[in-house]
Amino acid sequence: MTAPAPRREARSGRSIHRLFAEQAEAVPLFTAMVHAGKELRYRELNAQANRIARLLADRGAGRGSSSRSPRSPRRSCWPACSAS
């Protein structure tokens, strides 16, 4: 079951991560995405996104920081993505 998108008027003025967190809270068991035959629910995808955000923040990412990294984000974030 796929969740409906938030209404346009509800989206204006809020960041994408805030909108996603609100969607995950509203419909945690709905399918957020399907990749390689595996479904991720909003609750699971939000938890993974939060793990990656904490990992990046621990490594110095944040407002005003450079988006350039000497390591590939895929390699450096992969352990956080795959942890359950």
C-alpha atoms as a PDB file:
ATOM      1  CA  MET A   1       0.000   0.000   0.000  1.00  0.00           C
ATOM      2  CA  THR A   2       1.461   3.359  -1.020  1.00  0.00           C
ATOM      3  CA  ALA A   3       0.789   6.481   1.000  1.00  0.00           C
ATOM      4  CA  PRO A   4      -0.758   9.512  -0.631  1.00  0.00           C
ATOM      5  CA  ALA A   5       1.524  12.501  -1.140  1.00  0.00           C
ATOM      6  CA  PRO A   6       1.105  15.395   1.302  1.00  0.00           C
ATOM      7  CA  ARG A   7      -1.227  18.097   0.012  1.00  0.00           C
ATOM      8  CA  ARG A   8       0.543  20.939  -1.813  1.00  0.00           C
ATOM      9  CA  GLU A   9      -0.551  23.607   0.673  1.00  0.00           C
ATOM     10  CA  ALA A  10       0.800  21.502   3.544  1.00  0.00           C
ATOM     11  CA  ARG A  11       4.232  21.319   1.873  1.00  0.00           C
ATOM     12  CA  SER A  12       5.057  24.980   1.404  1.00  0.00           C
ATOM     13  CA  GLY A  13       7.728  26.499   3.614  1.00  0.00           C
ATOM     14  CA  ARG A  14       8.960  23.249   5.188  1.00  0.00           C
ATOM     15  CA  SER A  15      12.178  21.364   4.524  1.00  0.00           C
ATOM     16  CA  ILE A  16      12.177  18.049   2.715  1.00  0.00           C
ATOM     17  CA  HIS A  17      13.464  16.185   5.768  1.00  0.00           C
ATOM     18  CA  ARG A  18      10.664  17.671   7.914  1.00  0.00           C
ATOM     19  CA  LEU A  19       8.047  16.697   5.317  1.00  0.00           C
ATOM     20  CA  PHE A  20       9.403  13.162   5.119  1.00  0.00           C
ATOM     21  CA  ALA A  21       9.447  12.794   8.916  1.00  0.00           C
ATOM     22  CA  GLU A  22       5.832  13.973   9.060  1.00  0.00           C
ATOM     23  CA  GLN A  23       4.851  11.479   6.350  1.00  0.00           C
ATOM     24  CA  ALA A  24       6.659   8.690   8.219  1.00  0.00           C
ATOM     25  CA  GLU A  25       4.806   9.587  11.402  1.00  0.00           C
ATOM     26  CA  ALA A  26       1.442   9.766   9.634  1.00  0.00           C
ATOM     27  CA  VAL A  27       1.744   6.477   7.720  1.00  0.00           C
ATOM     28  CA  PRO A  28       4.645   4.466   9.205  1.00  0.00           C
ATOM     29  CA  LEU A  29       3.581   1.105   7.756  1.00  0.00           C
ATOM     30  CA  PHE A  30       2.898   2.281   4.202  1.00  0.00           C
ATOM     31  CA  THR A  31       5.446   1.409   1.510  1.00  0.00           C
ATOM     32  CA  ALA A  32       7.859   4.295   0.996  1.00  0.00           C
ATOM     33  CA  MET A  33       9.985   2.656  -1.692  1.00  0.00           C
ATOM     34  CA  VAL A  34      10.849  -0.603  -3.391  1.00  0.00           C
ATOM     35  CA  HIS A  35      14.411  -1.398  -4.438  1.00  0.00           C
ATOM     36  CA  ALA A  36      15.815  -4.688  -5.721  1.00  0.00           C
ATOM     37  CA  GLY A  37      12.591  -6.415  -4.766  1.00  0.00           C
ATOM     38  CA  LYS A  38      12.699  -5.229  -1.156  1.00  0.00           C
ATOM     39  CA  GLU A  39      10.013  -2.938   0.235  1.00  0.00           C
ATOM     40  CA  LEU A  40      10.864  -0.325   2.823  1.00  0.00           C
ATOM     41  CA  ARG A  41       8.142   1.145   4.976  1.00  0.00           C
ATOM     42  CA  TYR A  42       8.174   4.830   5.861  1.00  0.00           C
ATOM     43  CA  ARG A  43       9.167   3.949   9.440  1.00  0.00           C
ATOM     44  CA  GLU A  44      12.188   1.903   8.258  1.00  0.00           C
ATOM     45  CA  LEU A  45      13.313   4.415   5.647  1.00  0.00           C
ATOM     46  CA  ASN A  46      13.035   7.288   8.116  1.00  0.00           C
ATOM     47  CA  ALA A  47      15.085   5.340  10.685  1.00  0.00           C
ATOM     48  CA  GLN A  48      17.793   4.711   8.079  1.00  0.00           C
ATOM     49  CA  ALA A  49      17.780   8.366   7.008  1.00  0.00           C
ATOM     50  CA  ASN A  50      18.161   9.410  10.648  1.00  0.00           C
ATOM     51  CA  ARG A  51      21.117   7.031  11.105  1.00  0.00           C
ATOM     52  CA  ILE A  52      22.819   8.503   8.045  1.00  0.00           C
ATOM     53  CA  ALA A  53      22.125  12.056   9.249  1.00  0.00           C
ATOM     54  CA  ARG A  54      23.672  11.301  12.647  1.00  0.00           C
ATOM     55  CA  LEU A  55      26.675   9.662  10.981  1.00  0.00           C
ATOM     56  CA  LEU A  56      27.214  12.688   8.755  1.00  0.00           C
ATOM     57  CA  ALA A  57      26.761  15.107  11.665  1.00  0.00           C
ATOM     58  CA  ASP A  58      29.295  13.132  13.707  1.00  0.00           C
ATOM     59  CA  ARG A  59      31.703  13.555  10.804  1.00  0.00           C
ATOM     60  CA  GLY A  60      31.229  17.315  10.728  1.00  0.00           C
ATOM     61  CA  ALA A  61      28.443  17.773   8.196  1.00  0.00           C
ATOM     62  CA  GLY A  62      25.887  20.454   8.870  1.00  0.00           C
ATOM     63  CA  ARG A  63      24.879  23.969   7.969  1.00  0.00           C
ATOM     64  CA  GLY A  64      27.789  25.893   6.583  1.00  0.00           C
ATOM     65  CA  SER A  65      29.997  22.836   6.098  1.00  0.00           C
ATOM     66  CA  SER A  66      31.421  21.908   2.737  1.00  0.00           C
ATOM     67  CA  SER A  67      29.510  19.277   0.822  1.00  0.00           C
ATOM     68  CA  ARG A  68      32.752  17.889  -0.591  1.00  0.00           C
ATOM     69  CA  SER A  69      34.107  14.743   0.942  1.00  0.00           C
ATOM     70  CA  PRO A  70      37.297  12.847   0.212  1.00  0.00           C
ATOM     71  CA  ARG A  71      35.380   9.554   0.564  1.00  0.00           C
ATOM     72  CA  SER A  72      32.408   8.372  -1.385  1.00  0.00           C
ATOM     73  CA  PRO A  73      29.180   8.995   0.606  1.00  0.00           C
ATOM     74  CA  ARG A  74      27.915   5.593  -0.528  1.00  0.00           C
ATOM     75  CA  ARG A  75      30.903   3.796   0.997  1.00  0.00           C
ATOM     76  CA  SER A  76      31.080   5.910   4.147  1.00  0.00           C
ATOM     77  CA  CYS A  77      27.326   5.723   4.859  1.00  0.00           C
ATOM     78  CA  TRP A  78      26.728   2.147   3.766  1.00  0.00           C
ATOM     79  CA  PRO A  79      27.161   0.584   7.259  1.00  0.00           C
ATOM     80  CA  ALA A  80      24.515   2.956   8.621  1.00  0.00           C
ATOM     81  CA  CYS A  81      22.190   2.193   5.715  1.00  0.00           C
ATOM     82  CA  SER A  82      22.402  -1.539   6.101  1.00  0.00           C
ATOM     83  CA  ALA A  83      22.243  -1.692   9.911  1.00  0.00           C
ATOM     84  CA  SER A  84      18.924  -2.901  11.223  1.00  0.00           C
END
